[in-house]
Amino acid sequence: MKATLISKDKKEAKFKMEFTAEEFEEAVIGEYKRKKDQFEIDGFRKGKAPRSIIEKHYGESVFIEGAINAIFNENYPKAIEELGLDIIDRPAVEFDNFKKGEDFSCNITVAVYPEIEVKDYKGIELDKIKVSVTNKDVDEELEKLRQRNARMVSVERPAKEDDTVLLDYKGFVDDEQFEGGTAEKFTLKLGSGSFIPGFEDQLLGIKSGEERDVKVDFPKDYHAEKLAGKAALFKCKIHEVKEEEKPELDDDFAKDVSEFDTLEEMKKDLKNNIKEQKKKHAEDQMKNKVLEKVYEANDIQVPDVMVDDEISSMMQEFDQQLRSQGLDLQKYFEYLKKDPNEFREEIKEDAHRKVKTRMLVAAVADAEGIEAPAEDVDEEIKIMAIQYKQDPDKIREMLGEENIGFLQKDIRMRKAMDFMFESAVFK
């Protein structure tokens, strides 16, 4: 195969792919081998008929279309790589008239990644975000640690807000027990708002072993239509009342939850960690401000196909989020009575902004000659290996060549972002 670039501008490229008669004959033979089992011809077992016999029965062109598709699909990626084209859409292809025993060629027109001249990305003026850590910050973090290490203990007193009760309940509407309204030894935290409004409030003051009738009204927009807006009675029995018991803040607590022997040592370490987190957050905010200023300073053409691809990607990501919650995009649209095209239009502006931002950062990387060499990729894979407790070679194998390429692009973009931030002028 020979690939020849005909022309290239900021939006598209035109090139020619040429194949010798011998190359095309090999493609036809390959197509015959793939398809011969589909033909039944008298005098031959299925799949055993020679190519010449099949062509005689069905015409000489019977394997031509498949051969054209096969030889094109195999060689098109090679041509793109050989010509150094960064394509963003499917190609438009014009095939020359095919004649048996002669060379074969096709002309391709394809949209390419636009050439961008990015400006005003160095020396951006920024207000520096100051970072400080207060005693309140440390106390809040300590309280979170106490919360995570709290335990539940049974109490004999009446239940109060934030207590957890273990209960049986049976729900009735119009004196009939309804489906899904019954449970045994169910754990409920009072004040969590996880039940119908008013249900939890009516259990305040109840003790272990007691029974109580709880009367509530289902919300009018309740998901089960048969119950929406209906008055209900729940017969409840409490098995146990528990309260949360948090550990004391002392040296023993520090030893239990950290590598430190004293509470003061742990506090000092917490303070340093909080400071690092705040510094990282402040840096991210300032980097976002850099991106905003570069975005506003550059008016570039964003190809529609790239925006459409981003919209599809965003919808796919949203679908995955919904599936993790037991829903999917189709059910989501049905529930909201929303049209998918309407949803695409709603997120179009956000998709356009994301694509334009990526294009500008990539243009900075091009302008500054920023690359992501193999050692950068190796370092990133080592970090992932530590995070997932896997061997680096295993991580590389799991990623595969395509995802390694995406990782390399991601590293390059981060380095370009860091370059703009480091060249910024702080007020």
Protein backbone atom coordinates (compact mmCIF):
# COMPACT_ATOMS: atom_id res chain seq x y z
CA MET A 1 0.00 0.00 0.00
CA LYS A 2 1.20 3.47 -0.85
CA ALA A 3 -0.24 6.54 0.89
CA THR A 4 0.19 9.98 -0.72
CA LEU A 5 -0.90 13.27 0.84
CA ILE A 6 -2.71 15.43 -1.72
CA SER A 7 -3.55 18.47 0.40
CA LYS A 8 -4.00 19.56 4.00
CA ASP A 9 -5.38 22.73 5.57
CA LYS A 10 -6.51 23.72 9.05
CA LYS A 11 -9.72 21.68 8.80
CA GLU A 12 -9.24 18.67 6.54
CA ALA A 13 -6.77 16.50 4.69
CA LYS A 14 -7.02 14.71 1.34
CA PHE A 15 -4.86 11.74 0.50
CA LYS A 16 -4.68 8.76 -1.81
CA MET A 17 -4.24 5.08 -0.97
CA GLU A 18 -2.93 2.84 -3.77
CA PHE A 19 -2.78 -0.96 -3.87
CA THR A 20 -1.07 -3.21 -6.36
CA ALA A 21 -3.04 -5.87 -8.24
CA GLU A 22 -1.22 -8.52 -6.20
CA GLU A 23 -2.22 -6.88 -2.89
CA PHE A 24 -5.84 -6.72 -3.94
CA GLU A 25 -5.79 -10.33 -5.14
CA GLU A 26 -4.59 -11.37 -1.66
CA ALA A 27 -7.55 -9.45 -0.17
CA VAL A 28 -9.97 -11.28 -2.50
CA ILE A 29 -8.47 -14.64 -1.52
CA GLY A 30 -8.85 -13.69 2.15
CA GLU A 31 -12.49 -12.76 1.59
CA TYR A 32 -13.10 -16.09 -0.19
CA LYS A 33 -11.64 -17.99 2.78
CA ARG A 34 -13.85 -16.06 5.21
CA LYS A 35 -17.07 -16.48 3.20
CA LYS A 36 -16.81 -19.84 1.44
CA ASP A 37 -18.71 -21.69 4.18
CA GLN A 38 -21.78 -19.57 3.38
CA PHE A 39 -22.23 -21.02 -0.10
CA GLU A 40 -24.02 -24.26 -0.98
CA ILE A 41 -23.35 -25.49 -4.53
CA ASP A 42 -24.52 -28.78 -6.02
CA GLY A 43 -21.74 -31.34 -6.22
CA PHE A 44 -19.71 -29.79 -3.41
CA ARG A 45 -19.89 -30.13 0.34
CA LYS A 46 -20.68 -26.87 2.10
CA GLY A 47 -17.53 -24.76 2.31
CA LYS A 48 -15.60 -26.90 -0.16
CA ALA A 49 -16.55 -25.23 -3.45
CA PRO A 50 -13.54 -23.64 -5.24
CA ARG A 51 -13.47 -19.87 -5.62
CA SER A 52 -13.81 -20.09 -9.41
CA ILE A 53 -17.00 -22.18 -9.11
CA ILE A 54 -18.55 -19.74 -6.61
CA GLU A 55 -17.66 -16.78 -8.86
CA LYS A 56 -19.18 -18.60 -11.83
CA HIS A 57 -22.47 -19.10 -9.96
CA TYR A 58 -22.68 -15.71 -8.25
CA GLY A 59 -20.58 -13.48 -10.50
CA GLU A 60 -16.94 -12.39 -10.35
CA SER A 61 -17.82 -9.51 -8.00
CA VAL A 62 -19.11 -11.80 -5.24
CA PHE A 63 -15.96 -11.30 -3.13
CA ILE A 64 -14.96 -7.85 -4.43
CA GLU A 65 -16.96 -5.62 -2.05
CA GLY A 66 -15.79 -7.55 1.02
CA ALA A 67 -12.19 -7.45 -0.24
CA ILE A 68 -12.39 -3.68 -0.76
CA ASN A 69 -13.71 -3.16 2.78
CA ALA A 70 -11.10 -5.51 4.25
CA ILE A 71 -8.10 -3.98 2.48
CA PHE A 72 -9.30 -0.46 3.31
CA ASN A 73 -9.99 -1.16 7.00
CA GLU A 74 -6.63 -2.86 7.43
CA ASN A 75 -4.57 -0.16 5.74
CA TYR A 76 -6.43 3.07 6.58
CA PRO A 77 -4.98 3.28 10.15
CA LYS A 78 -1.51 2.61 8.72
CA ALA A 79 -1.93 5.43 6.20
CA ILE A 80 -3.10 7.85 8.90
CA GLU A 81 -0.05 7.03 11.02
CA GLU A 82 2.35 7.16 8.08
CA LEU A 83 1.07 10.61 7.00
CA GLY A 84 1.02 11.90 10.59
CA LEU A 85 -2.63 12.92 10.50
CA ASP A 86 -4.63 13.59 13.68
CA ILE A 87 -8.17 12.80 12.51
CA ILE A 88 -11.39 13.72 14.34
CA ASP A 89 -14.12 12.19 12.18
CA ARG A 90 -14.96 9.33 9.87
CA PRO A 91 -13.49 9.63 6.37
CA ALA A 92 -15.32 10.28 3.11
CA VAL A 93 -13.99 7.73 0.60
CA GLU A 94 -14.18 7.63 -3.21
CA PHE A 95 -13.10 4.30 -4.73
CA ASP A 96 -11.74 4.16 -8.27
CA ASN A 97 -13.42 1.79 -10.71
CA PHE A 98 -12.07 -1.66 -10.04
CA LYS A 99 -10.76 -3.80 -12.87
CA LYS A 100 -9.56 -7.34 -12.27
CA GLY A 101 -5.79 -7.74 -12.56
CA GLU A 102 -5.09 -3.99 -12.28
CA ASP A 103 -3.88 -1.72 -9.50
CA PHE A 104 -6.55 -0.29 -7.24
CA SER A 105 -6.78 3.07 -5.44
CA CYS A 106 -9.10 5.33 -3.46
CA ASN A 107 -9.23 9.01 -2.53
CA ILE A 108 -9.97 9.99 1.07
CA THR A 109 -11.10 13.27 2.61
CA VAL A 110 -11.10 13.46 6.39
CA ALA A 111 -11.52 16.17 9.04
CA VAL A 112 -8.33 16.73 11.02
CA TYR A 113 -7.59 18.26 14.38
CA PRO A 114 -7.47 22.02 13.76
CA GLU A 115 -4.21 23.94 13.98
CA ILE A 116 -4.42 26.49 16.80
CA GLU A 117 -2.24 29.46 17.59
CA VAL A 118 -2.84 30.00 21.29
CA LYS A 119 -2.03 33.40 22.79
CA ASP A 120 -1.74 35.08 26.21
CA TYR A 121 -1.01 31.91 28.16
CA LYS A 122 2.22 33.04 29.82
CA GLY A 123 2.61 35.60 32.59
CA ILE A 124 -1.06 35.55 33.59
CA GLU A 125 -1.71 37.75 36.63
CA LEU A 126 -3.31 35.94 39.57
CA ASP A 127 -4.38 36.72 43.11
CA LYS A 128 -2.50 34.31 45.35
CA ILE A 129 -4.75 32.33 47.66
CA LYS A 130 -3.36 32.32 51.17
CA VAL A 131 -3.53 29.09 53.17
CA SER A 132 -3.81 28.83 56.94
CA VAL A 133 -4.83 26.08 59.36
CA THR A 134 -6.77 26.92 62.52
CA ASN A 135 -7.37 24.93 65.70
CA LYS A 136 -10.98 24.62 64.55
CA ASP A 137 -9.81 22.80 61.40
CA VAL A 138 -7.87 20.30 63.52
CA ASP A 139 -10.77 19.86 65.96
CA GLU A 140 -13.18 19.14 63.10
CA GLU A 141 -10.83 16.50 61.71
CA LEU A 142 -10.47 14.92 65.15
CA GLU A 143 -14.26 14.81 65.47
CA LYS A 144 -14.50 12.99 62.13
CA LEU A 145 -11.98 10.44 63.44
CA ARG A 146 -14.05 9.97 66.61
CA GLN A 147 -17.17 9.55 64.49
CA ARG A 148 -15.54 6.89 62.31
CA ASN A 149 -14.37 4.99 65.39
CA ALA A 150 -17.62 5.28 67.36
CA ARG A 151 -19.50 2.18 68.48
CA MET A 152 -23.17 1.52 69.13
CA VAL A 153 -24.24 0.60 72.68
CA SER A 154 -27.66 -0.42 73.98
CA VAL A 155 -29.50 1.95 76.35
CA GLU A 156 -32.55 1.47 78.55
CA ARG A 157 -33.72 5.09 78.40
CA PRO A 158 -36.35 6.47 75.98
CA ALA A 159 -35.17 6.94 72.39
CA LYS A 160 -34.07 10.41 71.36
CA GLU A 161 -32.83 12.16 68.22
CA ASP A 162 -29.76 10.49 66.61
CA ASP A 163 -30.39 7.21 68.45
CA THR A 164 -30.66 4.01 66.41
CA VAL A 165 -33.59 1.65 66.95
CA LEU A 166 -34.03 -1.98 65.95
CA LEU A 167 -37.71 -2.45 65.09
CA ASP A 168 -40.40 -4.55 63.43
CA TYR A 169 -43.13 -2.73 61.52
CA LYS A 170 -46.22 -3.55 59.46
CA GLY A 171 -47.86 -0.95 57.24
CA PHE A 172 -51.60 -0.67 56.56
CA VAL A 173 -53.64 1.49 54.19
CA ASP A 174 -57.44 1.39 54.54
CA ASP A 175 -56.99 -1.43 57.08
CA GLU A 176 -55.19 -3.59 54.51
CA GLN A 177 -51.53 -4.51 54.79
CA PHE A 178 -49.71 -3.25 51.70
CA GLU A 179 -46.81 -4.83 49.82
CA GLY A 180 -43.34 -3.56 50.77
CA GLY A 181 -44.53 -2.06 54.06
CA THR A 182 -43.29 -4.82 56.36
CA ALA A 183 -39.89 -5.47 57.94
CA GLU A 184 -38.40 -7.31 60.89
CA LYS A 185 -35.45 -6.12 63.01
CA PHE A 186 -34.94 -3.12 60.76
CA THR A 187 -32.20 -0.65 61.76
CA LEU A 188 -33.34 2.99 61.70
CA LYS A 189 -31.49 6.10 62.85
CA LEU A 190 -33.97 8.60 64.26
CA GLY A 191 -33.63 11.97 62.59
CA SER A 192 -32.00 10.55 59.45
CA GLY A 193 -35.03 11.41 57.31
CA SER A 194 -34.84 8.03 55.58
CA PHE A 195 -38.51 7.20 56.27
CA ILE A 196 -41.78 8.94 55.40
CA PRO A 197 -41.97 12.43 56.98
CA GLY A 198 -43.31 12.18 60.52
CA PHE A 199 -42.51 8.48 61.00
CA GLU A 200 -39.27 8.90 62.90
CA ASP A 201 -40.58 11.77 65.04
CA GLN A 202 -43.36 9.53 66.42
CA LEU A 203 -40.80 7.00 67.68
CA LEU A 204 -39.05 9.54 69.91
CA GLY A 205 -39.47 8.60 73.57
CA ILE A 206 -40.14 4.91 72.93
CA LYS A 207 -38.24 2.27 74.94
CA SER A 208 -36.92 -1.19 74.17
CA GLY A 209 -39.75 -3.75 74.19
CA GLU A 210 -42.52 -1.19 73.65
CA GLU A 211 -45.03 -1.12 70.81
CA ARG A 212 -46.47 1.96 69.11
CA ASP A 213 -48.83 2.83 66.25
CA VAL A 214 -47.39 5.42 63.88
CA LYS A 215 -49.78 7.36 61.64
CA VAL A 216 -48.39 9.12 58.57
CA ASP A 217 -49.48 10.38 55.15
CA PHE A 218 -47.55 9.27 52.07
CA PRO A 219 -46.30 12.24 50.01
CA LYS A 220 -48.44 13.05 46.96
CA ASP A 221 -45.37 12.55 44.71
CA TYR A 222 -44.47 9.19 46.31
CA HIS A 223 -42.87 6.81 43.76
CA ALA A 224 -45.49 4.07 44.34
CA GLU A 225 -48.65 5.47 42.76
CA LYS A 226 -50.97 3.18 44.78
CA LEU A 227 -49.69 4.75 48.01
CA ALA A 228 -49.17 8.36 46.91
CA GLY A 229 -51.17 10.76 49.09
CA LYS A 230 -52.70 7.93 51.18
CA ALA A 231 -52.98 7.86 54.98
CA ALA A 232 -51.11 4.90 56.50
CA LEU A 233 -50.80 3.17 59.87
CA PHE A 234 -47.58 1.39 60.88
CA LYS A 235 -47.66 -1.00 63.82
CA CYS A 236 -44.17 -0.86 65.32
CA LYS A 237 -42.35 -2.89 67.96
CA ILE A 238 -38.96 -1.80 69.30
CA HIS A 239 -36.42 -4.51 70.06
CA GLU A 240 -33.52 -2.28 71.05
CA VAL A 241 -32.48 1.36 71.43
CA LYS A 242 -28.84 2.19 70.80
CA GLU A 243 -26.76 5.32 71.08
CA GLU A 244 -23.45 6.23 69.50
CA GLU A 245 -20.52 6.16 71.89
CA LYS A 246 -17.47 8.07 70.69
CA PRO A 247 -13.98 7.36 72.08
CA GLU A 248 -12.28 9.86 74.38
CA LEU A 249 -9.67 12.14 72.85
CA ASP A 250 -6.53 10.98 74.62
CA ASP A 251 -3.21 9.27 73.99
CA ASP A 252 -4.87 5.83 73.86
CA PHE A 253 -7.13 7.06 71.07
CA ALA A 254 -4.08 8.34 69.15
CA LYS A 255 -2.39 4.95 69.48
CA ASP A 256 -5.51 3.15 68.25
CA VAL A 257 -6.10 5.24 65.11
CA SER A 258 -2.60 6.36 64.10
CA GLU A 259 1.09 5.51 64.25
CA PHE A 260 1.65 8.11 67.00
CA ASP A 261 1.97 7.52 70.76
CA THR A 262 0.46 10.80 71.92
CA LEU A 263 -2.54 12.93 70.99
CA GLU A 264 -0.32 16.00 70.54
CA GLU A 265 1.85 14.19 67.97
CA MET A 266 -1.25 13.11 66.07
CA LYS A 267 -2.64 16.66 66.14
CA LYS A 268 0.61 18.03 64.71
CA ASP A 269 0.50 15.49 61.90
CA LEU A 270 -3.17 16.25 61.22
CA LYS A 271 -2.35 19.96 61.01
CA ASN A 272 0.37 19.31 58.43
CA ASN A 273 -1.95 17.08 56.39
CA ILE A 274 -4.75 19.66 56.47
CA LYS A 275 -2.29 22.33 55.34
CA GLU A 276 -1.14 20.20 52.40
CA GLN A 277 -4.76 19.53 51.41
CA LYS A 278 -5.60 23.22 51.58
CA LYS A 279 -2.51 24.11 49.54
CA LYS A 280 -3.52 21.57 46.90
CA HIS A 281 -7.08 22.91 46.85
CA ALA A 282 -5.82 26.50 46.55
CA GLU A 283 -3.45 25.49 43.74
CA ASP A 284 -6.30 23.78 41.88
CA GLN A 285 -8.42 26.92 42.23
CA MET A 286 -5.63 29.09 40.86
CA LYS A 287 -5.01 26.69 37.98
CA ASN A 288 -8.70 26.86 37.12
CA LYS A 289 -8.42 30.65 37.11
CA VAL A 290 -5.48 30.39 34.69
CA LEU A 291 -7.60 28.19 32.41
CA GLU A 292 -10.49 30.66 32.57
CA LYS A 293 -8.24 33.53 31.50
CA VAL A 294 -6.69 31.56 28.64
CA TYR A 295 -10.19 30.44 27.60
CA GLU A 296 -11.46 34.02 27.51
CA ALA A 297 -8.37 35.32 25.67
CA ASN A 298 -8.63 32.85 22.77
CA ASP A 299 -11.50 32.71 20.31
CA ILE A 300 -11.09 29.48 18.34
CA GLN A 301 -13.28 27.36 16.11
CA VAL A 302 -14.36 24.15 17.83
CA PRO A 303 -15.36 21.41 15.35
CA ASP A 304 -18.99 20.32 15.79
CA VAL A 305 -18.01 16.66 15.57
CA MET A 306 -15.74 17.03 18.61
CA VAL A 307 -18.57 18.65 20.58
CA ASP A 308 -20.97 15.87 19.53
CA ASP A 309 -18.45 13.25 20.63
CA GLU A 310 -18.03 14.98 23.99
CA ILE A 311 -21.82 15.11 24.48
CA SER A 312 -22.02 11.36 23.79
CA SER A 313 -19.17 10.74 26.22
CA MET A 314 -20.88 12.84 28.91
CA MET A 315 -24.15 10.96 28.40
CA GLN A 316 -22.35 7.62 28.65
CA GLU A 317 -20.65 8.69 31.87
CA PHE A 318 -23.99 9.86 33.29
CA ASP A 319 -25.55 6.53 32.31
CA GLN A 320 -22.83 4.67 34.24
CA GLN A 321 -23.52 6.83 37.31
CA LEU A 322 -27.23 6.06 37.07
CA ARG A 323 -26.55 2.32 36.69
CA SER A 324 -24.52 2.36 39.90
CA GLN A 325 -27.74 3.57 41.57
CA GLY A 326 -29.92 0.90 39.95
CA LEU A 327 -31.22 3.17 37.16
CA ASP A 328 -30.23 3.88 33.56
CA LEU A 329 -30.46 6.74 31.07
CA GLN A 330 -33.60 5.45 29.34
CA LYS A 331 -35.52 5.09 32.63
CA TYR A 332 -34.23 8.51 33.69
CA PHE A 333 -35.66 10.10 30.52
CA GLU A 334 -38.95 8.25 30.96
CA TYR A 335 -39.25 9.36 34.59
CA LEU A 336 -38.59 13.03 33.76
CA LYS A 337 -40.53 12.79 30.48
CA LYS A 338 -37.49 14.23 28.73
CA ASP A 339 -36.34 13.69 25.15
CA PRO A 340 -32.69 12.52 24.70
CA ASN A 341 -32.10 15.21 22.06
CA GLU A 342 -33.39 17.83 24.49
CA PHE A 343 -30.92 16.56 27.07
CA ARG A 344 -28.08 16.68 24.53
CA GLU A 345 -28.95 20.30 23.81
CA GLU A 346 -28.90 21.13 27.54
CA ILE A 347 -25.34 19.86 28.00
CA LYS A 348 -24.03 21.19 24.67
CA GLU A 349 -22.58 24.40 26.12
CA ASP A 350 -20.73 22.50 28.83
CA ALA A 351 -19.40 20.03 26.24
CA HIS A 352 -18.24 22.90 24.02
CA ARG A 353 -16.36 24.47 26.95
CA LYS A 354 -14.65 21.20 27.84
CA VAL A 355 -13.50 20.58 24.26
CA LYS A 356 -12.27 24.15 23.75
CA THR A 357 -10.35 24.02 27.05
CA ARG A 358 -8.64 20.76 26.09
CA MET A 359 -7.78 22.14 22.66
CA LEU A 360 -6.16 25.23 24.18
CA VAL A 361 -4.10 23.23 26.71
CA ALA A 362 -2.96 20.87 23.93
CA ALA A 363 -2.00 23.90 21.82
CA VAL A 364 0.15 25.20 24.72
CA ALA A 365 1.87 21.80 24.88
CA ASP A 366 2.55 22.00 21.14
CA ALA A 367 3.83 25.57 21.33
CA GLU A 368 6.21 24.79 24.20
CA GLY A 369 7.31 21.38 22.90
CA ILE A 370 5.99 19.63 25.99
CA GLU A 371 6.08 15.84 25.79
CA ALA A 372 5.37 12.86 28.04
CA PRO A 373 8.38 10.54 27.66
CA ALA A 374 8.33 6.85 28.59
CA GLU A 375 9.79 7.52 32.05
CA ASP A 376 6.83 9.80 32.88
CA VAL A 377 4.42 7.03 31.90
CA ASP A 378 6.42 4.51 33.95
CA GLU A 379 6.22 6.76 37.00
CA GLU A 380 2.47 7.17 36.58
CA ILE A 381 2.03 3.41 36.31
CA LYS A 382 4.10 2.91 39.49
CA ILE A 383 1.75 5.28 41.35
CA MET A 384 -1.28 3.36 40.04
CA ALA A 385 0.36 0.07 41.06
CA ILE A 386 0.78 1.32 44.65
CA GLN A 387 -2.79 2.64 44.70
CA TYR A 388 -4.32 -0.63 43.48
CA LYS A 389 -1.73 -2.88 45.18
CA GLN A 390 -0.72 -4.49 41.89
CA ASP A 391 2.53 -5.17 40.08
CA PRO A 392 3.40 -2.34 37.61
CA ASP A 393 3.68 -4.84 34.74
CA LYS A 394 0.19 -6.10 35.58
CA ILE A 395 -1.16 -2.54 35.51
CA ARG A 396 0.48 -1.95 32.13
CA GLU A 397 -1.01 -5.17 30.80
CA MET A 398 -4.48 -4.26 32.09
CA LEU A 399 -4.30 -0.78 30.50
CA GLY A 400 -3.28 -1.99 27.06
CA GLU A 401 -1.59 0.09 24.36
CA GLU A 402 -4.62 2.29 23.63
CA ASN A 403 -5.10 3.36 27.25
CA ILE A 404 -1.34 3.83 27.65
CA GLY A 405 -1.65 6.32 24.78
CA PHE A 406 -4.49 8.14 26.58
CA LEU A 407 -2.41 8.19 29.75
CA GLN A 408 0.49 9.73 27.85
CA LYS A 409 -1.78 12.47 26.47
CA ASP A 410 -3.17 13.12 29.97
CA ILE A 411 0.35 13.52 31.40
CA ARG A 412 1.26 15.91 28.58
CA MET A 413 -1.85 18.01 29.28
CA ARG A 414 -1.06 18.16 33.00
CA LYS A 415 2.49 19.28 32.27
CA ALA A 416 1.17 22.02 29.98
CA MET A 417 -1.22 23.14 32.72
CA ASP A 418 1.64 23.19 35.23
CA PHE A 419 3.72 25.25 32.78
CA MET A 420 1.03 27.95 32.52
CA PHE A 421 0.60 28.02 36.29
CA GLU A 422 4.33 28.23 37.01
CA SER A 423 4.72 31.11 34.54
CA ALA A 424 1.87 33.05 36.16
CA VAL A 425 2.56 36.33 37.99
CA PHE A 426 1.09 36.38 41.50
CA LYS A 427 -0.17 39.65 42.96
